[in-house]
N, C-alpha and C. Protein backbone atom coordinates (compact mmCIF):
# COMPACT_ATOMS: atom_id res chain seq x y z
N MET A 1 102.90 116.92 42.59
CA MET A 1 103.53 116.78 43.88
C MET A 1 102.58 116.00 44.79
N LYS A 2 103.11 114.91 45.39
CA LYS A 2 102.29 114.10 46.29
C LYS A 2 102.26 114.72 47.68
N LYS A 3 101.09 114.65 48.29
CA LYS A 3 100.97 115.09 49.67
C LYS A 3 101.17 113.89 50.57
N ARG A 4 101.80 114.11 51.69
CA ARG A 4 102.02 113.03 52.66
C ARG A 4 100.72 112.76 53.40
N GLN A 5 100.38 111.49 53.53
CA GLN A 5 99.13 111.12 54.18
C GLN A 5 99.26 111.33 55.68
N MET A 6 98.23 111.87 56.30
CA MET A 6 98.22 112.12 57.75
C MET A 6 97.13 111.26 58.38
N GLY A 7 97.39 110.78 59.61
CA GLY A 7 96.38 109.99 60.30
C GLY A 7 96.98 108.75 60.91
N VAL A 8 96.12 107.91 61.41
CA VAL A 8 96.54 106.70 62.11
C VAL A 8 96.38 105.52 61.16
N SER A 9 97.40 104.68 61.14
CA SER A 9 97.30 103.48 60.30
C SER A 9 96.44 102.43 60.99
N LEU A 10 96.02 101.44 60.25
CA LEU A 10 95.18 100.39 60.81
C LEU A 10 95.92 99.60 61.88
N SER A 11 97.20 99.30 61.64
CA SER A 11 97.97 98.55 62.64
C SER A 11 98.17 99.38 63.91
N GLY A 12 98.39 100.66 63.79
CA GLY A 12 98.52 101.53 64.96
C GLY A 12 97.23 101.62 65.75
N LEU A 13 96.11 101.68 65.02
CA LEU A 13 94.81 101.72 65.67
C LEU A 13 94.53 100.42 66.43
N LEU A 14 94.85 99.28 65.83
CA LEU A 14 94.63 97.98 66.48
C LEU A 14 95.51 97.81 67.71
N MET A 15 96.76 98.24 67.64
CA MET A 15 97.65 98.14 68.79
C MET A 15 97.16 99.03 69.94
N THR A 16 96.74 100.23 69.63
CA THR A 16 96.21 101.13 70.65
C THR A 16 94.95 100.55 71.27
N LEU A 17 94.10 99.99 70.45
CA LEU A 17 92.87 99.38 70.94
C LEU A 17 93.17 98.18 71.84
N ALA A 18 94.17 97.38 71.49
CA ALA A 18 94.56 96.23 72.32
C ALA A 18 95.07 96.67 73.68
N VAL A 19 95.85 97.73 73.72
CA VAL A 19 96.38 98.25 75.00
C VAL A 19 95.23 98.79 75.86
N VAL A 20 94.32 99.52 75.25
CA VAL A 20 93.18 100.08 75.99
C VAL A 20 92.30 98.97 76.55
N VAL A 21 92.05 97.93 75.75
CA VAL A 21 91.23 96.81 76.21
C VAL A 21 91.92 96.08 77.37
N PHE A 22 93.23 95.88 77.28
CA PHE A 22 93.96 95.20 78.36
C PHE A 22 93.90 96.02 79.65
N ILE A 23 94.08 97.31 79.56
CA ILE A 23 94.03 98.17 80.76
C ILE A 23 92.61 98.18 81.34
N ALA A 24 91.60 98.21 80.49
CA ALA A 24 90.21 98.16 80.97
C ALA A 24 89.91 96.83 81.65
N LEU A 25 90.39 95.74 81.07
CA LEU A 25 90.21 94.41 81.67
C LEU A 25 90.87 94.34 83.04
N LEU A 26 92.09 94.84 83.11
CA LEU A 26 92.82 94.85 84.38
C LEU A 26 92.08 95.69 85.42
N GLY A 27 91.58 96.84 85.02
CA GLY A 27 90.84 97.70 85.95
C GLY A 27 89.55 97.07 86.44
N MET A 28 88.84 96.38 85.56
CA MET A 28 87.57 95.76 85.96
C MET A 28 87.80 94.54 86.86
N LYS A 29 88.92 93.88 86.72
CA LYS A 29 89.20 92.70 87.54
C LYS A 29 89.81 93.09 88.88
N VAL A 30 90.70 94.08 88.89
CA VAL A 30 91.45 94.44 90.10
C VAL A 30 90.71 95.50 90.92
N GLY A 31 89.93 96.33 90.28
CA GLY A 31 89.23 97.41 90.98
C GLY A 31 88.39 96.96 92.16
N PRO A 32 87.53 95.95 92.02
CA PRO A 32 86.72 95.51 93.16
C PRO A 32 87.56 94.99 94.34
N GLU A 33 88.71 94.40 94.05
CA GLU A 33 89.57 93.90 95.13
C GLU A 33 90.14 95.07 95.94
N TYR A 34 90.55 96.13 95.26
CA TYR A 34 91.06 97.30 95.97
C TYR A 34 89.95 98.04 96.71
N ILE A 35 88.76 98.05 96.16
CA ILE A 35 87.63 98.68 96.86
C ILE A 35 87.33 97.93 98.15
N GLU A 36 87.37 96.59 98.10
CA GLU A 36 87.13 95.80 99.30
C GLU A 36 88.24 96.03 100.33
N PHE A 37 89.49 96.15 99.88
CA PHE A 37 90.61 96.46 100.77
C PHE A 37 90.39 97.80 101.47
N LEU A 38 89.95 98.79 100.73
CA LEU A 38 89.68 100.10 101.33
C LEU A 38 88.51 100.03 102.31
N LEU A 39 87.51 99.19 102.03
CA LEU A 39 86.40 99.01 102.98
C LEU A 39 86.87 98.36 104.27
N ILE A 40 87.80 97.41 104.17
CA ILE A 40 88.36 96.77 105.37
C ILE A 40 89.11 97.80 106.21
N LYS A 41 89.92 98.64 105.55
CA LYS A 41 90.65 99.67 106.29
C LYS A 41 89.69 100.66 106.95
N LYS A 42 88.60 100.99 106.24
CA LYS A 42 87.60 101.90 106.81
C LYS A 42 86.92 101.27 108.03
N ALA A 43 86.64 99.97 107.93
CA ALA A 43 86.02 99.27 109.06
C ALA A 43 86.95 99.28 110.28
N LEU A 44 88.23 99.08 110.06
CA LEU A 44 89.18 99.11 111.18
C LEU A 44 89.28 100.51 111.78
N LYS A 45 89.23 101.54 110.95
CA LYS A 45 89.23 102.91 111.48
C LYS A 45 87.99 103.17 112.32
N THR A 46 86.83 102.68 111.85
CA THR A 46 85.59 102.85 112.60
C THR A 46 85.66 102.14 113.94
N ILE A 47 86.20 100.94 113.94
CA ILE A 47 86.33 100.17 115.18
C ILE A 47 87.31 100.85 116.13
N SER A 48 88.40 101.38 115.60
CA SER A 48 89.40 102.02 116.47
C SER A 48 88.88 103.31 117.09
N ASN A 49 87.90 103.96 116.46
CA ASN A 49 87.31 105.18 117.02
C ASN A 49 86.15 104.91 117.96
N ASP A 50 85.68 103.66 118.04
CA ASP A 50 84.56 103.29 118.91
C ASP A 50 85.10 102.83 120.27
N PRO A 51 84.84 103.57 121.34
CA PRO A 51 85.39 103.19 122.65
C PRO A 51 84.79 101.90 123.20
N ASP A 52 83.55 101.55 122.82
CA ASP A 52 82.93 100.33 123.31
C ASP A 52 83.52 99.08 122.66
N ALA A 53 84.05 99.22 121.46
CA ALA A 53 84.57 98.06 120.73
C ALA A 53 85.99 97.71 121.15
N LYS A 54 86.64 98.55 121.94
CA LYS A 54 88.04 98.31 122.28
C LYS A 54 88.24 97.71 123.67
N ASN A 55 87.17 97.15 124.26
CA ASN A 55 87.30 96.60 125.61
C ASN A 55 88.01 95.26 125.61
N SER A 56 87.73 94.40 124.66
CA SER A 56 88.35 93.07 124.62
C SER A 56 88.50 92.63 123.17
N VAL A 57 89.21 91.53 122.99
CA VAL A 57 89.41 90.97 121.65
C VAL A 57 88.07 90.53 121.07
N ALA A 58 87.22 89.93 121.89
CA ALA A 58 85.91 89.48 121.42
C ALA A 58 85.05 90.66 120.96
N ASP A 59 85.13 91.79 121.67
CA ASP A 59 84.38 92.98 121.26
C ASP A 59 84.86 93.52 119.92
N VAL A 60 86.18 93.48 119.72
CA VAL A 60 86.74 93.95 118.45
C VAL A 60 86.26 93.05 117.31
N ARG A 61 86.28 91.74 117.53
CA ARG A 61 85.86 90.81 116.49
C ARG A 61 84.35 90.94 116.19
N LYS A 62 83.54 91.13 117.23
CA LYS A 62 82.11 91.33 117.01
C LYS A 62 81.85 92.62 116.24
N ALA A 63 82.57 93.69 116.59
CA ALA A 63 82.40 94.96 115.90
C ALA A 63 82.81 94.83 114.43
N PHE A 64 83.88 94.06 114.16
CA PHE A 64 84.29 93.87 112.77
C PHE A 64 83.24 93.05 112.01
N ASP A 65 82.68 92.02 112.65
CA ASP A 65 81.64 91.23 112.00
C ASP A 65 80.43 92.09 111.62
N ARG A 66 80.04 92.99 112.53
CA ARG A 66 78.92 93.88 112.23
C ARG A 66 79.25 94.80 111.06
N GLN A 67 80.46 95.36 111.09
CA GLN A 67 80.86 96.27 110.01
C GLN A 67 81.02 95.52 108.69
N ALA A 68 81.50 94.27 108.74
CA ALA A 68 81.65 93.46 107.53
C ALA A 68 80.29 93.13 106.93
N ASP A 69 79.29 92.91 107.77
CA ASP A 69 77.94 92.67 107.25
C ASP A 69 77.38 93.92 106.57
N ILE A 70 77.65 95.07 107.13
CA ILE A 70 77.16 96.32 106.56
C ILE A 70 77.83 96.60 105.21
N ASP A 71 79.16 96.44 105.16
CA ASP A 71 79.92 96.79 103.96
C ASP A 71 80.08 95.63 102.98
N ASN A 72 79.51 94.46 103.31
CA ASN A 72 79.60 93.28 102.45
C ASN A 72 81.05 92.87 102.19
N ILE A 73 81.81 92.75 103.27
CA ILE A 73 83.22 92.34 103.18
C ILE A 73 83.29 90.83 103.27
N SER A 74 83.90 90.21 102.26
CA SER A 74 84.01 88.75 102.26
C SER A 74 85.45 88.26 102.18
N ALA A 75 86.41 89.16 102.04
CA ALA A 75 87.81 88.75 101.87
C ALA A 75 88.39 88.16 103.15
N ILE A 76 88.05 88.73 104.29
CA ILE A 76 88.54 88.21 105.56
C ILE A 76 87.39 88.13 106.56
N LYS A 77 87.59 87.32 107.54
CA LYS A 77 86.62 87.17 108.63
C LYS A 77 87.23 87.75 109.91
N ALA A 78 86.42 87.86 110.93
CA ALA A 78 86.89 88.40 112.20
C ALA A 78 87.99 87.54 112.81
N GLU A 79 87.96 86.24 112.55
CA GLU A 79 88.98 85.33 113.09
C GLU A 79 90.34 85.58 112.44
N ASP A 80 90.37 86.21 111.26
CA ASP A 80 91.62 86.47 110.56
C ASP A 80 92.34 87.71 111.06
N LEU A 81 91.69 88.49 111.90
CA LEU A 81 92.28 89.72 112.42
C LEU A 81 93.29 89.40 113.50
N ASP A 82 94.38 90.16 113.52
CA ASP A 82 95.40 90.05 114.58
C ASP A 82 95.19 91.23 115.52
N VAL A 83 94.71 90.95 116.71
CA VAL A 83 94.40 91.99 117.69
C VAL A 83 95.48 91.99 118.76
N SER A 84 96.10 93.14 118.97
CA SER A 84 97.14 93.26 119.99
C SER A 84 97.02 94.61 120.68
N LYS A 85 97.77 94.77 121.76
CA LYS A 85 97.76 96.02 122.49
C LYS A 85 99.17 96.62 122.46
N GLU A 86 99.25 97.86 122.04
CA GLU A 86 100.53 98.56 121.99
C GLU A 86 100.38 99.90 122.69
N SER A 87 101.16 100.09 123.71
CA SER A 87 101.15 101.32 124.51
C SER A 87 99.75 101.73 124.94
N GLY A 88 98.96 100.76 125.39
CA GLY A 88 97.63 101.03 125.91
C GLY A 88 96.53 101.10 124.87
N ASP A 89 96.87 101.10 123.60
CA ASP A 89 95.87 101.16 122.53
C ASP A 89 95.73 99.78 121.88
N VAL A 90 94.50 99.46 121.50
CA VAL A 90 94.24 98.21 120.79
C VAL A 90 94.58 98.43 119.31
N VAL A 91 95.44 97.54 118.79
CA VAL A 91 95.85 97.61 117.39
C VAL A 91 95.31 96.38 116.67
N VAL A 92 94.56 96.60 115.62
CA VAL A 92 93.99 95.52 114.82
C VAL A 92 94.69 95.55 113.46
N SER A 93 95.27 94.41 113.08
CA SER A 93 95.94 94.33 111.79
C SER A 93 95.44 93.11 111.01
N PHE A 94 95.69 93.13 109.72
CA PHE A 94 95.25 92.03 108.86
C PHE A 94 96.22 91.90 107.69
N ALA A 95 96.22 90.73 107.10
CA ALA A 95 96.98 90.45 105.89
C ALA A 95 96.29 89.31 105.15
N TYR A 96 96.15 89.46 103.85
CA TYR A 96 95.53 88.40 103.06
C TYR A 96 95.97 88.52 101.60
N GLU A 97 95.78 87.45 100.86
CA GLU A 97 96.10 87.41 99.44
C GLU A 97 94.84 87.13 98.64
N ARG A 98 94.78 87.69 97.46
CA ARG A 98 93.69 87.40 96.53
C ARG A 98 94.30 87.08 95.17
N ARG A 99 93.83 86.01 94.56
CA ARG A 99 94.26 85.64 93.22
C ARG A 99 93.13 86.00 92.26
N VAL A 100 93.45 86.86 91.30
CA VAL A 100 92.46 87.34 90.34
C VAL A 100 92.78 86.75 88.96
N PRO A 101 91.91 85.88 88.43
CA PRO A 101 92.16 85.34 87.09
C PRO A 101 91.92 86.43 86.03
N LEU A 102 92.89 86.60 85.15
CA LEU A 102 92.76 87.61 84.10
C LEU A 102 92.19 87.01 82.82
N PHE A 103 92.90 86.06 82.24
CA PHE A 103 92.42 85.35 81.06
C PHE A 103 93.23 84.08 80.91
N ALA A 104 92.61 83.07 80.34
CA ALA A 104 93.21 81.74 80.12
C ALA A 104 93.87 81.25 81.40
N ASN A 105 95.17 81.00 81.39
CA ASN A 105 95.85 80.52 82.58
C ASN A 105 96.69 81.62 83.24
N VAL A 106 96.38 82.86 82.99
CA VAL A 106 97.11 83.99 83.57
C VAL A 106 96.28 84.59 84.69
N SER A 107 96.90 84.69 85.86
CA SER A 107 96.21 85.32 86.99
C SER A 107 97.15 86.27 87.68
N LEU A 108 96.59 87.12 88.50
CA LEU A 108 97.33 88.15 89.20
C LEU A 108 97.18 87.91 90.69
N LEU A 109 98.28 87.87 91.44
CA LEU A 109 98.25 87.66 92.87
C LEU A 109 98.41 89.01 93.57
N LEU A 110 97.40 89.39 94.36
CA LEU A 110 97.41 90.65 95.09
C LEU A 110 97.63 90.35 96.57
N ASP A 111 98.55 91.05 97.19
CA ASP A 111 98.89 90.86 98.59
C ASP A 111 98.50 92.13 99.34
N PHE A 112 97.52 92.02 100.24
CA PHE A 112 97.02 93.17 100.98
C PHE A 112 97.40 93.04 102.46
N GLN A 113 97.72 94.14 103.08
CA GLN A 113 97.94 94.16 104.53
C GLN A 113 97.69 95.59 105.03
N GLY A 114 97.29 95.67 106.29
CA GLY A 114 97.01 96.97 106.88
C GLY A 114 96.75 96.82 108.37
N SER A 115 96.60 97.95 109.03
CA SER A 115 96.29 97.94 110.46
C SER A 115 95.49 99.18 110.80
N SER A 116 95.00 99.19 112.03
CA SER A 116 94.18 100.33 112.46
C SER A 116 95.03 101.55 112.79
N GLN A 117 96.33 101.42 112.85
CA GLN A 117 97.20 102.55 113.16
C GLN A 117 97.59 103.34 111.92
N GLU A 118 97.32 102.85 110.74
CA GLU A 118 97.73 103.56 109.50
C GLU A 118 96.82 104.72 109.22
């Protein structure tokens, strides 16, 4: 009587390995972009909680430049910020795109946006 073989076949192992490698590649390429996005949102929260930085548009931009130097933010500059006033509060918002090359001629376009009110 033959026993049925148990385990993973070579083709199944290779397919699983290919999926794991693709997900790891995607994570290593996209992860730093999302970390920088979160740093930008954190910088806007810090600026919105600072009463000295909310006096004028120039003060907001200077405060963002200082925070960007500390956190090593390079995706946007202070000039890219949209500063407005809504119901007496200063609202700082931003939007930008990043193109992340994955492999060969395949790239991923990431669209980020946020504001200090979120």
